[in-house]
């Protein structure tokens, strides 16, 4: 069991529907938070909501090298006990209709950005730390009309499995999370295409509660069936 009280976690993508829910659950567990997101106003609002649980905020865009530099400096001020990677974008429609700019953004935000954050932050993590990386159910069941998005999430899960082996001796735990469709609002703001008719998804707070429970219980894998 991991006692989260007093730990310091960096939450990247904290202003998203699931990222903010995870931040709330971590704060309830006594975690000190550094929150990061693209939207400075939403970041400030979340920090105000969570009050004393927030140690700092970092307005950063994962597609911008300057933002990555800011995230790399988080550990200079205080030790980092955990990292949550919750930033993401989605695109819908046939692969052949996805233009280069949208394809680049999908891979930059969903996999290349997280890889760069990991390269910057992992060296600052002590033994006993946890990295939570949000993949998705489409990593398990790639979906027509979401081929590129499915590919980015499958890449996240592959990354996590390899990192589990690389970081085992350092005592850093990787938790790969593949939640089913969740009502975060992401499907309503795709960077391309239009969402198909989807069933009612899970509530973000319920998903976040399960994720934080997995951190506490020292789990390493949360498939879609775990929610």
Protein backbone atom coordinates (compact mmCIF):
# COMPACT_ATOMS: atom_id res chain seq x y z
CA UNK A 1 0.00 0.00 0.00
CA UNK A 2 1.16 3.52 -0.82
CA UNK A 3 0.40 6.33 1.60
CA UNK A 4 -0.22 9.43 -0.53
CA UNK A 5 -0.45 11.94 2.30
CA UNK A 6 2.22 14.60 1.91
CA UNK A 7 3.43 13.28 -1.45
CA UNK A 8 4.07 15.70 -4.31
CA UNK A 9 2.54 14.89 -7.71
CA UNK A 10 2.86 16.70 -11.02
CA UNK A 11 -0.39 16.43 -12.99
CA UNK A 12 0.01 17.21 -16.71
CA UNK A 13 -3.28 17.89 -18.46
CA UNK A 14 -4.83 18.97 -15.17
CA UNK A 15 -7.43 21.20 -16.81
CA UNK A 16 -9.02 18.36 -18.81
CA UNK A 17 -12.13 16.53 -17.72
CA UNK A 18 -10.26 13.52 -16.35
CA UNK A 19 -7.07 15.33 -15.36
CA UNK A 20 -9.00 17.72 -13.12
CA UNK A 21 -10.95 14.83 -11.57
CA UNK A 22 -7.70 12.99 -10.79
CA UNK A 23 -6.28 16.18 -9.27
CA UNK A 24 -9.34 16.46 -7.00
CA UNK A 25 -9.06 12.85 -5.87
CA UNK A 26 -5.33 13.21 -5.19
CA UNK A 27 -5.95 16.38 -3.19
CA UNK A 28 -8.55 14.51 -1.12
CA UNK A 29 -5.88 11.88 -0.40
CA UNK A 30 -3.54 14.54 0.99
CA UNK A 31 -1.28 14.98 -2.03
CA UNK A 32 0.49 18.27 -2.74
CA UNK A 33 -0.02 19.13 -6.40
CA UNK A 34 1.78 20.92 -9.16
CA UNK A 35 -0.83 21.40 -11.85
CA UNK A 36 -0.05 21.88 -15.52
CA UNK A 37 -2.31 22.63 -18.48
CA UNK A 38 -2.53 24.74 -21.61
CA UNK A 39 -5.30 27.09 -20.46
CA UNK A 40 -3.93 29.49 -17.82
CA UNK A 41 -7.40 30.70 -16.78
CA UNK A 42 -8.77 27.20 -16.23
CA UNK A 43 -5.56 26.28 -14.43
CA UNK A 44 -5.98 29.21 -12.05
CA UNK A 45 -9.62 28.30 -11.43
CA UNK A 46 -8.70 24.71 -10.56
CA UNK A 47 -5.89 25.87 -8.29
CA UNK A 48 -8.30 28.18 -6.48
CA UNK A 49 -10.79 25.32 -6.09
CA UNK A 50 -8.17 22.99 -4.59
CA UNK A 51 -6.67 25.65 -2.35
CA UNK A 52 -3.76 24.69 -0.11
CA UNK A 53 -3.32 21.34 -1.88
CA UNK A 54 -1.75 23.18 -4.83
CA UNK A 55 1.95 23.92 -4.50
CA UNK A 56 2.33 25.49 -7.95
CA UNK A 57 0.85 25.78 -11.42
CA UNK A 58 2.65 25.59 -14.77
CA UNK A 59 0.86 26.80 -17.89
CA UNK A 60 2.49 24.65 -20.58
CA UNK A 61 1.66 23.34 -24.05
CA UNK A 62 3.10 19.88 -24.77
CA UNK A 63 3.60 20.84 -28.42
CA UNK A 64 5.83 23.76 -27.41
CA UNK A 65 9.45 23.07 -26.33
CA UNK A 66 9.32 26.07 -23.98
CA UNK A 67 6.49 24.43 -22.06
CA UNK A 68 8.48 21.24 -21.70
CA UNK A 69 11.39 23.23 -20.29
CA UNK A 70 9.08 24.65 -17.61
CA UNK A 71 7.88 21.17 -16.65
CA UNK A 72 11.45 19.91 -16.46
CA UNK A 73 12.14 22.52 -13.78
CA UNK A 74 9.38 21.38 -11.42
CA UNK A 75 11.73 19.08 -9.54
CA UNK A 76 14.20 21.90 -8.98
CA UNK A 77 11.86 23.45 -6.40
CA UNK A 78 10.64 20.31 -4.62
CA UNK A 79 11.02 16.55 -4.96
CA UNK A 80 8.48 14.84 -7.20
CA UNK A 81 6.90 11.61 -5.92
CA UNK A 82 4.52 11.03 -8.80
CA UNK A 83 3.64 12.06 -12.33
CA UNK A 84 0.21 11.90 -13.96
CA UNK A 85 0.07 12.23 -17.74
CA UNK A 86 -3.54 13.10 -18.60
CA UNK A 87 -3.25 15.45 -21.59
CA UNK A 88 -4.86 14.32 -24.82
CA UNK A 89 -6.73 15.21 -28.00
CA UNK A 90 -8.96 13.12 -30.25
CA UNK A 91 -9.83 13.04 -33.97
CA UNK A 92 -12.61 11.17 -35.76
CA UNK A 93 -13.12 10.02 -39.33
CA UNK A 94 -11.34 7.80 -41.86
CA UNK A 95 -7.56 7.90 -41.75
CA UNK A 96 -7.41 9.01 -45.39
CA UNK A 97 -9.39 12.16 -44.53
CA UNK A 98 -7.09 13.24 -41.69
CA UNK A 99 -4.73 16.02 -42.80
CA UNK A 100 -1.08 16.31 -41.83
CA UNK A 101 -1.58 19.09 -39.29
CA UNK A 102 -4.22 17.13 -37.37
CA UNK A 103 -2.14 13.96 -37.54
CA UNK A 104 0.88 15.82 -36.19
CA UNK A 105 -1.13 17.29 -33.33
CA UNK A 106 -2.55 13.88 -32.37
CA UNK A 107 0.89 12.35 -32.06
CA UNK A 108 2.50 15.42 -30.49
CA UNK A 109 -0.04 15.70 -27.68
CA UNK A 110 -0.87 12.04 -27.10
CA UNK A 111 2.51 10.35 -27.30
CA UNK A 112 5.48 12.55 -28.25
CA UNK A 113 4.69 15.19 -25.62
CA UNK A 114 4.34 12.61 -22.83
CA UNK A 115 7.59 10.94 -23.91
CA UNK A 116 9.39 14.26 -23.66
CA UNK A 117 7.86 14.97 -20.25
CA UNK A 118 8.96 11.54 -19.07
CA UNK A 119 12.52 12.13 -20.28
CA UNK A 120 12.58 15.37 -18.30
CA UNK A 121 10.85 14.26 -15.10
CA UNK A 122 11.75 10.59 -14.59
CA UNK A 123 15.38 11.37 -13.60
CA UNK A 124 13.95 13.45 -10.73
CA UNK A 125 11.79 10.60 -9.37
CA UNK A 126 13.03 8.72 -6.33
CA UNK A 127 12.51 5.04 -5.62
CA UNK A 128 8.90 4.44 -4.66
CA UNK A 129 7.53 7.03 -7.10
CA UNK A 130 4.64 6.38 -9.48
CA UNK A 131 3.98 7.40 -13.07
CA UNK A 132 0.33 7.27 -14.16
CA UNK A 133 -0.07 7.34 -17.95
CA UNK A 134 -3.54 7.56 -19.50
CA UNK A 135 -4.01 5.36 -22.52
CA UNK A 136 -7.56 4.37 -23.55
CA UNK A 137 -9.82 1.43 -24.33
CA UNK A 138 -8.95 1.85 -28.03
CA UNK A 139 -5.45 0.56 -27.22
CA UNK A 140 -7.17 -2.76 -26.52
CA UNK A 141 -9.80 -2.51 -29.26
CA UNK A 142 -8.65 -0.22 -32.12
CA UNK A 143 -11.71 1.41 -33.63
CA UNK A 144 -12.69 2.22 -37.20
CA UNK A 145 -13.03 5.96 -37.69
CA UNK A 146 -10.45 6.47 -34.94
CA UNK A 147 -7.42 4.74 -36.49
CA UNK A 148 -4.86 7.45 -35.80
CA UNK A 149 -6.18 8.10 -32.28
CA UNK A 150 -6.17 4.36 -31.59
CA UNK A 151 -2.55 4.21 -32.79
CA UNK A 152 -1.46 6.95 -30.39
CA UNK A 153 -3.09 5.22 -27.42
CA UNK A 154 -1.66 1.83 -28.37
CA UNK A 155 1.73 3.55 -28.47
CA UNK A 156 1.16 4.86 -24.93
CA UNK A 157 0.48 1.35 -23.64
CA UNK A 158 3.54 -0.05 -25.44
CA UNK A 159 5.63 2.75 -23.95
CA UNK A 160 4.36 1.96 -20.46
CA UNK A 161 5.14 -1.74 -20.76
CA UNK A 162 8.70 -1.02 -21.86
CA UNK A 163 9.20 1.65 -19.19
CA UNK A 164 8.04 -0.81 -16.54
CA UNK A 165 11.07 -2.94 -17.42
CA UNK A 166 13.46 0.00 -17.78
CA UNK A 167 12.57 1.60 -14.45
CA UNK A 168 12.12 -1.50 -12.33
CA UNK A 169 15.57 -1.28 -10.75
CA UNK A 170 15.05 2.42 -10.01
CA UNK A 171 11.93 1.52 -8.04
CA UNK A 172 9.63 3.69 -10.20
CA UNK A 173 6.21 2.13 -10.82
CA UNK A 174 4.34 2.64 -14.09
CA UNK A 175 0.55 2.49 -14.02
CA UNK A 176 -0.98 2.11 -17.49
CA UNK A 177 -4.63 3.20 -17.48
CA UNK A 178 -7.03 2.26 -20.29
CA UNK A 179 -10.42 3.62 -19.25
CA UNK A 180 -13.56 3.04 -21.27
CA UNK A 181 -15.44 5.97 -22.78
CA UNK A 182 -15.72 8.64 -20.09
CA UNK A 183 -17.85 11.79 -20.12
CA UNK A 184 -14.94 14.23 -20.09
CA UNK A 185 -16.24 16.35 -22.98
CA UNK A 186 -13.24 15.39 -25.14
CA UNK A 187 -15.43 13.71 -27.77
CA UNK A 188 -17.33 16.98 -28.17
CA UNK A 189 -14.22 18.98 -29.09
CA UNK A 190 -12.26 16.83 -31.56
CA UNK A 191 -9.46 18.41 -33.56
CA UNK A 192 -10.95 16.80 -36.69
CA UNK A 193 -14.14 15.03 -37.69
CA UNK A 194 -17.26 14.43 -35.65
CA UNK A 195 -17.83 11.89 -32.92
CA UNK A 196 -20.06 8.93 -33.80
CA UNK A 197 -23.03 8.17 -31.62
CA UNK A 198 -21.51 6.95 -28.37
CA UNK A 199 -23.09 5.18 -25.39
CA UNK A 200 -23.24 7.05 -22.10
CA UNK A 201 -19.75 6.99 -20.66
CA UNK A 202 -18.36 6.67 -17.17
CA UNK A 203 -18.38 9.65 -14.82
CA UNK A 204 -14.91 11.27 -14.61
CA UNK A 205 -14.92 11.34 -10.81
CA UNK A 206 -15.66 7.61 -10.66
CA UNK A 207 -12.84 6.86 -13.09
CA UNK A 208 -10.47 9.15 -11.19
CA UNK A 209 -11.39 7.51 -7.88
CA UNK A 210 -10.53 4.10 -9.34
CA UNK A 211 -7.19 5.41 -10.64
CA UNK A 212 -6.18 6.91 -7.31
CA UNK A 213 -7.24 3.71 -5.59
CA UNK A 214 -4.91 1.82 -7.95
CA UNK A 215 -2.04 4.14 -6.99
CA UNK A 216 -2.67 3.46 -3.31
CA UNK A 217 -2.99 -0.31 -3.89
CA UNK A 218 0.28 -0.47 -5.87
CA UNK A 219 -1.38 -1.67 -9.08
CA UNK A 220 0.48 -1.48 -12.38
CA UNK A 221 -2.26 -2.08 -14.94
CA UNK A 222 -5.82 -0.79 -15.22
CA UNK A 223 -7.55 -2.27 -18.28
CA UNK A 224 -10.96 -1.04 -19.43
CA UNK A 225 -12.61 -3.93 -17.57
CA UNK A 226 -11.30 -2.58 -14.25
CA UNK A 227 -13.76 0.33 -14.29
